[in-house]
Amino acid sequence: MTRVHLVVHGRVQGVYYRATTQEVATGLSLSGWVRNRSDGTVELVAEGPPDRVHTFVEWCNQGPALARVERIDQFTSEPIGLDGGFHVRPSC
């Protein structure tokens, strides 16, 4: 298992980034969450098998069709055992 924490910059709010992220993560059987931040970025945490997390991060670099990802700040850490699926959290 691996854990990734991403902050996605660009045109990523108002383009279904969170909803589509949740669909993709759920399809890959990842656990975690995604939320909009007040600075216009999207933040997310995902845990799962390394190959699936890698596939997920690759997708995050593109995002949904209307998104324009400029860059992603990526942080890795030890997984903490998130469970219960992948959720959209309230904006912060």
PDB file of N, CA and C in Angstrom:
ATOM      1  N   MET A   1       0.836  -1.182   0.000  1.00  0.00           N
ATOM      2  CA  MET A   1       0.000   0.000   0.000  1.00  0.00           C
ATOM      3  C   MET A   1       0.881   1.246   0.000  1.00  0.00           C
ATOM      4  N   THR A   2       0.355   2.291  -0.624  1.00  0.00           N
ATOM      5  CA  THR A   2       1.048   3.568  -0.667  1.00  0.00           C
ATOM      6  C   THR A   2       0.041   4.698  -0.488  1.00  0.00           C
ATOM      7  N   ARG A   3       0.558   5.872  -0.137  1.00  0.00           N
ATOM      8  CA  ARG A   3      -0.299   7.041   0.104  1.00  0.00           C
ATOM      9  C   ARG A   3       0.294   8.227  -0.640  1.00  0.00           C
ATOM     10  N   VAL A   4      -0.576   8.993  -1.301  1.00  0.00           N
ATOM     11  CA  VAL A   4      -0.159  10.190  -2.003  1.00  0.00           C
ATOM     12  C   VAL A   4      -1.069  11.344  -1.611  1.00  0.00           C
ATOM     13  N   HIS A   5      -0.470  12.524  -1.497  1.00  0.00           N
ATOM     14  CA  HIS A   5      -1.184  13.764  -1.184  1.00  0.00           C
ATOM     15  C   HIS A   5      -0.863  14.725  -2.319  1.00  0.00           C
ATOM     16  N   LEU A   6      -1.892  15.188  -3.028  1.00  0.00           N
ATOM     17  CA  LEU A   6      -1.696  16.055  -4.179  1.00  0.00           C
ATOM     18  C   LEU A   6      -2.393  17.396  -3.979  1.00  0.00           C
ATOM     19  N   VAL A   7      -1.779  18.446  -4.502  1.00  0.00           N
ATOM     20  CA  VAL A   7      -2.426  19.746  -4.639  1.00  0.00           C
ATOM     21  C   VAL A   7      -2.345  20.090  -6.120  1.00  0.00           C
ATOM     22  N   VAL A   8      -3.502  20.209  -6.751  1.00  0.00           N
ATOM     23  CA  VAL A   8      -3.594  20.381  -8.198  1.00  0.00           C
ATOM     24  C   VAL A   8      -3.874  21.847  -8.515  1.00  0.00           C
ATOM     25  N   HIS A   9      -3.027  22.437  -9.348  1.00  0.00           N
ATOM     26  CA  HIS A   9      -3.121  23.844  -9.730  1.00  0.00           C
ATOM     27  C   HIS A   9      -3.592  23.964 -11.172  1.00  0.00           C
ATOM     28  N   GLY A  10      -4.291  25.056 -11.465  1.00  0.00           N
ATOM     29  CA  GLY A  10      -4.760  25.330 -12.817  1.00  0.00           C
ATOM     30  C   GLY A  10      -6.243  25.623 -12.798  1.00  0.00           C
ATOM     31  N   ARG A  11      -6.894  25.385 -13.928  1.00  0.00           N
ATOM     32  CA  ARG A  11      -8.354  25.530 -13.976  1.00  0.00           C
ATOM     33  C   ARG A  11      -8.946  24.190 -13.561  1.00  0.00           C
ATOM     34  N   VAL A  12      -9.134  24.033 -12.250  1.00  0.00           N
ATOM     35  CA  VAL A  12      -9.557  22.745 -11.710  1.00  0.00           C
ATOM     36  C   VAL A  12     -10.795  22.844 -10.826  1.00  0.00           C
ATOM     37  N   GLN A  13     -11.346  24.038 -10.680  1.00  0.00           N
ATOM     38  CA  GLN A  13     -12.605  24.194  -9.959  1.00  0.00           C
ATOM     39  C   GLN A  13     -13.684  24.606 -10.948  1.00  0.00           C
ATOM     40  N   GLY A  14     -14.893  24.077 -10.736  1.00  0.00           N
ATOM     41  CA  GLY A  14     -15.993  24.386 -11.639  1.00  0.00           C
ATOM     42  C   GLY A  14     -15.945  23.614 -12.940  1.00  0.00           C
ATOM     43  N   VAL A  15     -15.124  22.559 -12.983  1.00  0.00           N
ATOM     44  CA  VAL A  15     -14.977  21.753 -14.205  1.00  0.00           C
ATOM     45  C   VAL A  15     -15.174  20.258 -13.906  1.00  0.00           C
ATOM     46  N   TYR A  16     -15.831  19.955 -12.798  1.00  0.00           N
ATOM     47  CA  TYR A  16     -16.130  18.572 -12.391  1.00  0.00           C
ATOM     48  C   TYR A  16     -14.891  17.778 -11.990  1.00  0.00           C
ATOM     49  N   TYR A  17     -13.847  18.481 -11.584  1.00  0.00           N
ATOM     50  CA  TYR A  17     -12.619  17.782 -11.191  1.00  0.00           C
ATOM     51  C   TYR A  17     -12.867  16.877  -9.989  1.00  0.00           C
ATOM     52  N   ARG A  18     -13.525  17.402  -8.949  1.00  0.00           N
ATOM     53  CA  ARG A  18     -13.753  16.586  -7.743  1.00  0.00           C
ATOM     54  C   ARG A  18     -14.623  15.377  -8.036  1.00  0.00           C
ATOM     55  N   ALA A  19     -15.735  15.589  -8.724  1.00  0.00           N
ATOM     56  CA  ALA A  19     -16.659  14.485  -8.996  1.00  0.00           C
ATOM     57  C   ALA A  19     -16.002  13.405  -9.856  1.00  0.00           C
ATOM     58  N   THR A  20     -15.278  13.833 -10.869  1.00  0.00           N
ATOM     59  CA  THR A  20     -14.620  12.868 -11.740  1.00  0.00           C
ATOM     60  C   THR A  20     -13.481  12.168 -11.014  1.00  0.00           C
ATOM     61  N   THR A  21     -12.770  12.902 -10.165  1.00  0.00           N
ATOM     62  CA  THR A  21     -11.710  12.300  -9.352  1.00  0.00           C
ATOM     63  C   THR A  21     -12.283  11.193  -8.483  1.00  0.00           C
ATOM     64  N   GLN A  22     -13.424  11.457  -7.885  1.00  0.00           N
ATOM     65  CA  GLN A  22     -14.075  10.445  -7.046  1.00  0.00           C
ATOM     66  C   GLN A  22     -14.435   9.211  -7.874  1.00  0.00           C
ATOM     67  N   GLU A  23     -14.961   9.410  -9.074  1.00  0.00           N
ATOM     68  CA  GLU A  23     -15.318   8.278  -9.934  1.00  0.00           C
ATOM     69  C   GLU A  23     -14.096   7.450 -10.310  1.00  0.00           C
ATOM     70  N   VAL A  24     -13.017   8.126 -10.695  1.00  0.00           N
ATOM     71  CA  VAL A  24     -11.795   7.422 -11.106  1.00  0.00           C
ATOM     72  C   VAL A  24     -11.204   6.659  -9.921  1.00  0.00           C
ATOM     73  N   ALA A  25     -11.108   7.310  -8.768  1.00  0.00           N
ATOM     74  CA  ALA A  25     -10.546   6.669  -7.575  1.00  0.00           C
ATOM     75  C   ALA A  25     -11.391   5.465  -7.156  1.00  0.00           C
ATOM     76  N   THR A  26     -12.696   5.611  -7.205  1.00  0.00           N
ATOM     77  CA  THR A  26     -13.584   4.504  -6.844  1.00  0.00           C
ATOM     78  C   THR A  26     -13.403   3.346  -7.817  1.00  0.00           C
ATOM     79  N   GLY A  27     -13.273   3.655  -9.101  1.00  0.00           N
ATOM     80  CA  GLY A  27     -13.045   2.616 -10.108  1.00  0.00           C
ATOM     81  C   GLY A  27     -11.743   1.871  -9.910  1.00  0.00           C
ATOM     82  N   LEU A  28     -10.761   2.545  -9.299  1.00  0.00           N
ATOM     83  CA  LEU A  28      -9.471   1.912  -9.004  1.00  0.00           C
ATOM     84  C   LEU A  28      -9.430   1.303  -7.598  1.00  0.00           C
ATOM     85  N   SER A  29     -10.547   1.351  -6.896  1.00  0.00           N
ATOM     86  CA  SER A  29     -10.668   0.825  -5.521  1.00  0.00           C
ATOM     87  C   SER A  29      -9.695   1.500  -4.554  1.00  0.00           C
ATOM     88  N   LEU A  30      -9.516   2.813  -4.712  1.00  0.00           N
ATOM     89  CA  LEU A  30      -8.666   3.581  -3.801  1.00  0.00           C
ATOM     90  C   LEU A  30      -9.508   4.179  -2.685  1.00  0.00           C
ATOM     91  N   SER A  31      -8.870   4.445  -1.575  1.00  0.00           N
ATOM     92  CA  SER A  31      -9.506   5.138  -0.459  1.00  0.00           C
ATOM     93  C   SER A  31      -8.927   6.532  -0.363  1.00  0.00           C
ATOM     94  N   GLY A  32      -9.730   7.481   0.130  1.00  0.00           N
ATOM     95  CA  GLY A  32      -9.224   8.831   0.314  1.00  0.00           C
ATOM     96  C   GLY A  32     -10.284   9.879   0.187  1.00  0.00           C
ATOM     97  N   TRP A  33      -9.847  11.080  -0.203  1.00  0.00           N
ATOM     98  CA  TRP A  33     -10.767  12.206  -0.300  1.00  0.00           C
ATOM     99  C   TRP A  33     -10.223  13.265  -1.248  1.00  0.00           C
ATOM    100  N   VAL A  34     -11.123  14.162  -1.679  1.00  0.00           N
ATOM    101  CA  VAL A  34     -10.783  15.290  -2.540  1.00  0.00           C
ATOM    102  C   VAL A  34     -11.614  16.484  -2.087  1.00  0.00           C
ATOM    103  N   ARG A  35     -11.037  17.708  -2.201  1.00  0.00           N
ATOM    104  CA  ARG A  35     -11.782  18.914  -1.852  1.00  0.00           C
ATOM    105  C   ARG A  35     -11.204  20.119  -2.594  1.00  0.00           C
ATOM    106  N   ASN A  36     -12.065  21.121  -2.784  1.00  0.00           N
ATOM    107  CA  ASN A  36     -11.624  22.408  -3.305  1.00  0.00           C
ATOM    108  C   ASN A  36     -11.000  23.201  -2.171  1.00  0.00           C
ATOM    109  N   ARG A  37     -10.008  24.020  -2.511  1.00  0.00           N
ATOM    110  CA  ARG A  37      -9.412  24.932  -1.536  1.00  0.00           C
ATOM    111  C   ARG A  37      -9.707  26.365  -1.942  1.00  0.00           C
ATOM    112  N   SER A  38      -9.701  27.243  -0.968  1.00  0.00           N
ATOM    113  CA  SER A  38     -10.072  28.636  -1.216  1.00  0.00           C
ATOM    114  C   SER A  38      -9.113  29.354  -2.167  1.00  0.00           C
ATOM    115  N   ASP A  39      -7.916  28.821  -2.358  1.00  0.00           N
ATOM    116  CA  ASP A  39      -6.954  29.451  -3.273  1.00  0.00           C
ATOM    117  C   ASP A  39      -7.135  29.016  -4.732  1.00  0.00           C
ATOM    118  N   GLY A  40      -8.192  28.237  -5.016  1.00  0.00           N
ATOM    119  CA  GLY A  40      -8.471  27.811  -6.386  1.00  0.00           C
ATOM    120  C   GLY A  40      -7.882  26.476  -6.775  1.00  0.00           C
ATOM    121  N   THR A  41      -7.152  25.845  -5.860  1.00  0.00           N
ATOM    122  CA  THR A  41      -6.575  24.533  -6.139  1.00  0.00           C
ATOM    123  C   THR A  41      -7.530  23.431  -5.666  1.00  0.00           C
ATOM    124  N   VAL A  42      -7.201  22.220  -6.031  1.00  0.00           N
ATOM    125  CA  VAL A  42      -7.898  21.029  -5.545  1.00  0.00           C
ATOM    126  C   VAL A  42      -6.880  20.195  -4.792  1.00  0.00           C
ATOM    127  N   GLU A  43      -7.259  19.733  -3.611  1.00  0.00           N
ATOM    128  CA  GLU A  43      -6.389  18.916  -2.765  1.00  0.00           C
ATOM    129  C   GLU A  43      -6.992  17.527  -2.640  1.00  0.00           C
ATOM    130  N   LEU A  44      -6.131  16.518  -2.641  1.00  0.00           N
ATOM    131  CA  LEU A  44      -6.639  15.162  -2.477  1.00  0.00           C
ATOM    132  C   LEU A  44      -5.601  14.259  -1.837  1.00  0.00           C
ATOM    133  N   VAL A  45      -6.098  13.217  -1.217  1.00  0.00           N
ATOM    134  CA  VAL A  45      -5.280  12.163  -0.620  1.00  0.00           C
ATOM    135  C   VAL A  45      -5.838  10.835  -1.110  1.00  0.00           C
ATOM    136  N   ALA A  46      -4.953   9.932  -1.516  1.00  0.00           N
ATOM    137  CA  ALA A  46      -5.386   8.613  -1.968  1.00  0.00           C
ATOM    138  C   ALA A  46      -4.447   7.544  -1.433  1.00  0.00           C
ATOM    139  N   GLU A  47      -5.019   6.419  -1.084  1.00  0.00           N
ATOM    140  CA  GLU A  47      -4.253   5.255  -0.629  1.00  0.00           C
ATOM    141  C   GLU A  47      -4.699   4.020  -1.392  1.00  0.00           C
ATOM    142  N   GLY A  48      -3.739   3.146  -1.657  1.00  0.00           N
ATOM    143  CA  GLY A  48      -4.049   1.900  -2.322  1.00  0.00           C
ATOM    144  C   GLY A  48      -2.787   1.231  -2.811  1.00  0.00           C
ATOM    145  N   PRO A  49      -2.930   0.186  -3.616  1.00  0.00           N
ATOM    146  CA  PRO A  49      -1.770  -0.499  -4.187  1.00  0.00           C
ATOM    147  C   PRO A  49      -0.960   0.474  -5.056  1.00  0.00           C
ATOM    148  N   PRO A  50       0.361   0.383  -5.011  1.00  0.00           N
ATOM    149  CA  PRO A  50       1.207   1.333  -5.744  1.00  0.00           C
ATOM    150  C   PRO A  50       0.867   1.488  -7.223  1.00  0.00           C
ATOM    151  N   ASP A  51       0.578   0.402  -7.925  1.00  0.00           N
ATOM    152  CA  ASP A  51       0.280   0.516  -9.351  1.00  0.00           C
ATOM    153  C   ASP A  51      -1.006   1.283  -9.603  1.00  0.00           C
ATOM    154  N   ARG A  52      -2.004   1.100  -8.761  1.00  0.00           N
ATOM    155  CA  ARG A  52      -3.271   1.820  -8.922  1.00  0.00           C
ATOM    156  C   ARG A  52      -3.120   3.293  -8.551  1.00  0.00           C
ATOM    157  N   VAL A  53      -2.343   3.574  -7.515  1.00  0.00           N
ATOM    158  CA  VAL A  53      -2.097   4.969  -7.135  1.00  0.00           C
ATOM    159  C   VAL A  53      -1.337   5.676  -8.256  1.00  0.00           C
ATOM    160  N   HIS A  54      -0.368   4.996  -8.861  1.00  0.00           N
ATOM    161  CA  HIS A  54       0.374   5.578  -9.976  1.00  0.00           C
ATOM    162  C   HIS A  54      -0.566   5.904 -11.141  1.00  0.00           C
ATOM    163  N   THR A  55      -1.440   4.978 -11.493  1.00  0.00           N
ATOM    164  CA  THR A  55      -2.422   5.205 -12.555  1.00  0.00           C
ATOM    165  C   THR A  55      -3.304   6.403 -12.223  1.00  0.00           C
ATOM    166  N   PHE A  56      -3.712   6.506 -10.969  1.00  0.00           N
ATOM    167  CA  PHE A  56      -4.546   7.605 -10.508  1.00  0.00           C
ATOM    168  C   PHE A  56      -3.822   8.954 -10.632  1.00  0.00           C
ATOM    169  N   VAL A  57      -2.574   8.999 -10.204  1.00  0.00           N
ATOM    170  CA  VAL A  57      -1.794  10.239 -10.291  1.00  0.00           C
ATOM    171  C   VAL A  57      -1.633  10.653 -11.753  1.00  0.00           C
ATOM    172  N   GLU A  58      -1.403   9.699 -12.630  1.00  0.00           N
ATOM    173  CA  GLU A  58      -1.303   9.999 -14.053  1.00  0.00           C
ATOM    174  C   GLU A  58      -2.602  10.634 -14.550  1.00  0.00           C
ATOM    175  N   TRP A  59      -3.738  10.085 -14.128  1.00  0.00           N
ATOM    176  CA  TRP A  59      -5.018  10.673 -14.525  1.00  0.00           C
ATOM    177  C   TRP A  59      -5.153  12.088 -13.956  1.00  0.00           C
ATOM    178  N   CYS A  60      -4.761  12.293 -12.708  1.00  0.00           N
ATOM    179  CA  CYS A  60      -4.872  13.615 -12.077  1.00  0.00           C
ATOM    180  C   CYS A  60      -4.088  14.674 -12.848  1.00  0.00           C
ATOM    181  N   ASN A  61      -3.010  14.288 -13.500  1.00  0.00           N
ATOM    182  CA  ASN A  61      -2.232  15.231 -14.298  1.00  0.00           C
ATOM    183  C   ASN A  61      -3.005  15.741 -15.520  1.00  0.00           C
ATOM    184  N   GLN A  62      -4.020  15.029 -15.933  1.00  0.00           N
ATOM    185  CA  GLN A  62      -4.878  15.438 -17.051  1.00  0.00           C
ATOM    186  C   GLN A  62      -6.212  15.978 -16.543  1.00  0.00           C
ATOM    187  N   GLY A  63      -6.836  15.220 -15.621  1.00  0.00           N
ATOM    188  CA  GLY A  63      -8.142  15.611 -15.103  1.00  0.00           C
ATOM    189  C   GLY A  63      -9.236  15.414 -16.129  1.00  0.00           C
ATOM    190  N   PRO A  64     -10.437  15.887 -15.807  1.00  0.00           N
ATOM    191  CA  PRO A  64     -11.556  15.771 -16.748  1.00  0.00           C
ATOM    192  C   PRO A  64     -11.367  16.693 -17.944  1.00  0.00           C
ATOM    193  N   ALA A  65     -12.199  16.520 -18.943  1.00  0.00           N
ATOM    194  CA  ALA A  65     -12.032  17.215 -20.221  1.00  0.00           C
ATOM    195  C   ALA A  65     -11.964  18.741 -20.093  1.00  0.00           C
ATOM    196  N   LEU A  66     -12.729  19.351 -19.212  1.00  0.00           N
ATOM    197  CA  LEU A  66     -12.767  20.807 -19.102  1.00  0.00           C
ATOM    198  C   LEU A  66     -11.636  21.388 -18.256  1.00  0.00           C
ATOM    199  N   ALA A  67     -10.909  20.536 -17.538  1.00  0.00           N
ATOM    200  CA  ALA A  67      -9.829  21.008 -16.665  1.00  0.00           C
ATOM    201  C   ALA A  67      -8.582  21.352 -17.466  1.00  0.00           C
ATOM    202  N   ARG A  68      -7.788  22.258 -16.909  1.00  0.00           N
ATOM    203  CA  ARG A  68      -6.472  22.577 -17.459  1.00  0.00           C
ATOM    204  C   ARG A  68      -5.486  22.545 -16.297  1.00  0.00           C
ATOM    205  N   VAL A  69      -4.856  21.401 -16.121  1.00  0.00           N
ATOM    206  CA  VAL A  69      -3.915  21.224 -15.017  1.00  0.00           C
ATOM    207  C   VAL A  69      -2.589  21.876 -15.397  1.00  0.00           C
ATOM    208  N   GLU A  70      -2.139  22.816 -14.561  1.00  0.00           N
ATOM    209  CA  GLU A  70      -0.863  23.492 -14.800  1.00  0.00           C
ATOM    210  C   GLU A  70       0.285  22.780 -14.100  1.00  0.00           C
ATOM    211  N   ARG A  71       0.035  22.344 -12.886  1.00  0.00           N
ATOM    212  CA  ARG A  71       1.056  21.588 -12.154  1.00  0.00           C
ATOM    213  C   ARG A  71       0.406  20.893 -10.971  1.00  0.00           C
ATOM    214  N   ILE A  72       1.134  19.898 -10.452  1.00  0.00           N
ATOM    215  CA  ILE A  72       0.686  19.172  -9.263  1.00  0.00           C
ATOM    216  C   ILE A  72       1.840  19.131  -8.276  1.00  0.00           C
ATOM    217  N   ASP A  73       1.556  19.550  -7.047  1.00  0.00           N
ATOM    218  CA  ASP A  73       2.502  19.352  -5.947  1.00  0.00           C
ATOM    219  C   ASP A  73       2.184  17.985  -5.358  1.00  0.00           C
ATOM    220  N   GLN A  74       3.166  17.100  -5.323  1.00  0.00           N
ATOM    221  CA  GLN A  74       2.945  15.720  -4.880  1.00  0.00           C
ATOM    222  C   GLN A  74       3.797  15.407  -3.671  1.00  0.00           C
ATOM    223  N   PHE A  75       3.153  14.818  -2.667  1.00  0.00           N
ATOM    224  CA  PHE A  75       3.815  14.408  -1.443  1.00  0.00           C
ATOM    225  C   PHE A  75       3.447  12.955  -1.177  1.00  0.00           C
ATOM    226  N   THR A  76       4.417  12.170  -0.758  1.00  0.00           N
ATOM    227  CA  THR A  76       4.133  10.783  -0.396  1.00  0.00           C
ATOM    228  C   THR A  76       4.428  10.594   1.081  1.00  0.00           C
ATOM    229  N   SER A  77       3.724   9.652   1.674  1.00  0.00           N
ATOM    230  CA  SER A  77       3.943   9.323   3.076  1.00  0.00           C
ATOM    231  C   SER A  77       3.458   7.902   3.309  1.00  0.00           C
ATOM    232  N   GLU A  78       3.690   7.438   4.501  1.00  0.00           N
ATOM    233  CA  GLU A  78       3.231   6.095   4.858  1.00  0.00           C
ATOM    234  C   GLU A  78       1.708   6.072   4.915  1.00  0.00           C
ATOM    235  N   PRO A  79       1.089   5.039   4.364  1.00  0.00           N
ATOM    236  CA  PRO A  79      -0.366   4.938   4.452  1.00  0.00           C
ATOM    237  C   PRO A  79      -0.816   4.792   5.903  1.00  0.00           C
ATOM    238  N   ILE A  80      -1.990   5.343   6.183  1.00  0.00           N
ATOM    239  CA  ILE A  80      -2.528   5.261   7.547  1.00  0.00           C
ATOM    240  C   ILE A  80      -3.715   4.314   7.637  1.00  0.00           C
ATOM    241  N   GLY A  81      -4.045   3.672   6.506  1.00  0.00           N
ATOM    242  CA  GLY A  81      -5.135   2.708   6.523  1.00  0.00           C
ATOM    243  C   GLY A  81      -6.503   3.332   6.331  1.00  0.00           C
ATOM    244  N   LEU A  82      -6.590   4.324   5.454  1.00  0.00           N
ATOM    245  CA  LEU A  82      -7.897   4.896   5.143  1.00  0.00           C
ATOM    246  C   LEU A  82      -8.794   3.795   4.606  1.00  0.00           C
ATOM    247  N   ASP A  83     -10.035   3.840   4.983  1.00  0.00           N
ATOM    248  CA  ASP A  83     -10.998   2.888   4.420  1.00  0.00           C
ATOM    249  C   ASP A  83     -12.324   3.599   4.245  1.00  0.00           C
ATOM    250  N   GLY A  84     -13.246   2.923   3.675  1.00  0.00           N
ATOM    251  CA  GLY A  84     -14.556   3.518   3.486  1.00  0.00           C
ATOM    252  C   GLY A  84     -14.739   4.216   2.166  1.00  0.00           C
ATOM    253  N   GLY A  85     -13.857   3.951   1.202  1.00  0.00           N
ATOM    254  CA  GLY A  85     -14.038   4.510  -0.116  1.00  0.00           C
ATOM    255  C   GLY A  85     -13.360   5.851  -0.315  1.00  0.00           C
ATOM    256  N   PHE A  86     -13.779   6.538  -1.361  1.00  0.00           N
ATOM    257  CA  PHE A  86     -13.194   7.816  -1.740  1.00  0.00           C
ATOM    258  C   PHE A  86     -14.307   8.854  -1.734  1.00  0.00           C
ATOM    259  N   HIS A  87     -14.096   9.955  -0.992  1.00  0.00           N
ATOM    260  CA  HIS A  87     -15.160  10.917  -0.739  1.00  0.00           C
ATOM    261  C   HIS A  87     -14.807  12.332  -1.152  1.00  0.00           C
ATOM    262  N   VAL A  88     -15.817  13.109  -1.485  1.00  0.00           N
ATOM    263  CA  VAL A  88     -15.665  14.543  -1.712  1.00  0.00           C
ATOM    264  C   VAL A  88     -15.894  15.215  -0.372  1.00  0.00           C
ATOM    265  N   ARG A  89     -14.901  15.979   0.086  1.00  0.00           N
ATOM    266  CA  ARG A  89     -15.020  16.711   1.340  1.00  0.00           C
ATOM    267  C   ARG A  89     -15.471  18.136   1.068  1.00  0.00           C
ATOM    268  N   PRO A  90     -15.997  18.793   2.097  1.00  0.00           N
ATOM    269  CA  PRO A  90     -16.365  20.208   1.931  1.00  0.00           C
ATOM    270  C   PRO A  90     -15.129  21.046   1.619  1.00  0.00           C
ATOM    271  N   SER A  91     -15.346  22.133   0.906  1.00  0.00           N
ATOM    272  CA  SER A  91     -14.259  23.042   0.568  1.00  0.00           C
ATOM    273  C   SER A  91     -13.663  23.652   1.817  1.00  0.00           C
ATOM    274  N   CYS A  92     -12.395  24.035   1.716  1.00  0.00           N
ATOM    275  CA  CYS A  92     -11.748  24.682   2.855  1.00  0.00           C
ATOM    276  C   CYS A  92     -11.129  25.991   2.431  1.00  0.00           C
TER     277      CYS A  92
END
